[in-house]
Amino acid sequence: MERKLYIEEGSDLENRLEQLRRERGITQDELAAALAVSRQTIGSLENGRYNPSILLAFKIARYFGKTIEEIFVYEEDAE
């Protein structure tokens, strides 16, 4: 069973995926193929419409040679 990263209400999960992909000079299609996901998944991740499963987050981090925290930034609202 694939699990999603749980994000509490009032918090944001931002990512640097598009920036890292462009720095590497690859297309969404190329990244999708490398990660065995659809190009639409990559687009949705880059636009913040989709939060990755923990497995996909690890695959992305490994692909770019980064930690998950270097790619996905979780910020809570301070109240």
Protein backbone atom coordinates (compact mmCIF):
# COMPACT_ATOMS: atom_id res chain seq x y z
CA MET A 1 0.00 0.00 0.00
CA GLU A 2 1.41 3.38 -1.02
CA ARG A 3 1.19 6.06 1.66
CA LYS A 4 1.06 9.80 1.23
CA LEU A 5 2.99 12.31 3.30
CA TYR A 6 0.49 13.57 5.87
CA ILE A 7 0.22 17.32 5.95
CA GLU A 8 -1.74 18.95 8.75
CA GLU A 9 -4.31 21.61 7.99
CA GLY A 10 -2.74 25.07 8.12
CA SER A 11 0.65 23.86 6.91
CA ASP A 12 2.47 23.94 3.61
CA LEU A 13 4.67 21.48 1.80
CA GLU A 14 6.74 23.26 -0.81
CA ASN A 15 9.36 21.72 -3.04
CA ARG A 16 12.35 22.56 -5.21
CA LEU A 17 11.64 19.87 -7.79
CA GLU A 18 11.25 22.15 -10.81
CA GLN A 19 14.40 24.08 -9.92
CA LEU A 20 16.45 20.89 -9.51
CA ARG A 21 15.06 19.40 -12.72
CA ARG A 22 15.90 22.54 -14.72
CA GLU A 23 19.40 22.73 -13.20
CA ARG A 24 19.97 19.17 -14.41
CA GLY A 25 18.68 20.15 -17.86
CA ILE A 26 16.02 17.46 -18.13
CA THR A 27 12.37 17.58 -19.15
CA GLN A 28 9.39 16.52 -17.10
CA ASP A 29 9.11 13.49 -19.40
CA GLU A 30 12.71 12.47 -18.76
CA LEU A 31 12.33 12.80 -15.00
CA ALA A 32 9.05 10.90 -15.07
CA ALA A 33 10.69 8.04 -16.99
CA ALA A 34 13.60 7.90 -14.54
CA LEU A 35 11.19 7.71 -11.59
CA ALA A 36 8.65 5.39 -13.28
CA VAL A 37 5.77 7.88 -12.92
CA SER A 38 3.73 9.89 -15.42
CA ARG A 39 4.71 13.32 -16.70
CA GLN A 40 1.43 14.55 -15.17
CA THR A 41 2.66 13.41 -11.75
CA ILE A 42 5.82 15.48 -12.15
CA GLY A 43 3.80 18.51 -13.27
CA SER A 44 1.44 18.15 -10.32
CA LEU A 45 4.35 17.85 -7.89
CA GLU A 46 6.04 20.93 -9.33
CA ASN A 47 2.83 22.95 -9.12
CA GLY A 48 2.09 21.88 -5.55
CA ARG A 49 -1.15 20.09 -6.47
CA TYR A 50 0.13 16.70 -5.31
CA ASN A 51 2.13 15.54 -2.31
CA PRO A 52 4.31 12.52 -3.05
CA SER A 53 4.17 9.17 -1.31
CA ILE A 54 7.10 8.63 0.99
CA LEU A 55 8.48 6.09 -1.50
CA LEU A 56 8.34 8.61 -4.35
CA ALA A 57 9.91 11.29 -2.14
CA PHE A 58 12.82 8.91 -1.43
CA LYS A 59 13.18 8.09 -5.16
CA ILE A 60 13.28 11.79 -6.04
CA ALA A 61 15.83 12.53 -3.32
CA ARG A 62 18.03 9.63 -4.42
CA TYR A 63 17.79 10.69 -8.09
CA PHE A 64 19.03 14.20 -7.28
CA GLY A 65 21.54 13.10 -4.63
CA LYS A 66 19.78 15.14 -1.95
CA THR A 67 17.89 14.49 1.25
CA ILE A 68 14.10 14.64 1.26
CA GLU A 69 14.33 17.77 3.42
CA GLU A 70 16.51 19.49 0.79
CA ILE A 71 13.76 19.01 -1.80
CA PHE A 72 10.53 19.09 0.18
CA VAL A 73 10.16 21.90 2.69
CA TYR A 74 7.47 21.54 5.33
CA GLU A 75 6.40 24.73 7.09
CA GLU A 76 3.84 24.87 9.88
CA ASP A 77 1.80 27.94 10.67
CA ALA A 78 3.03 29.28 14.01
CA GLU A 79 0.03 30.04 16.17
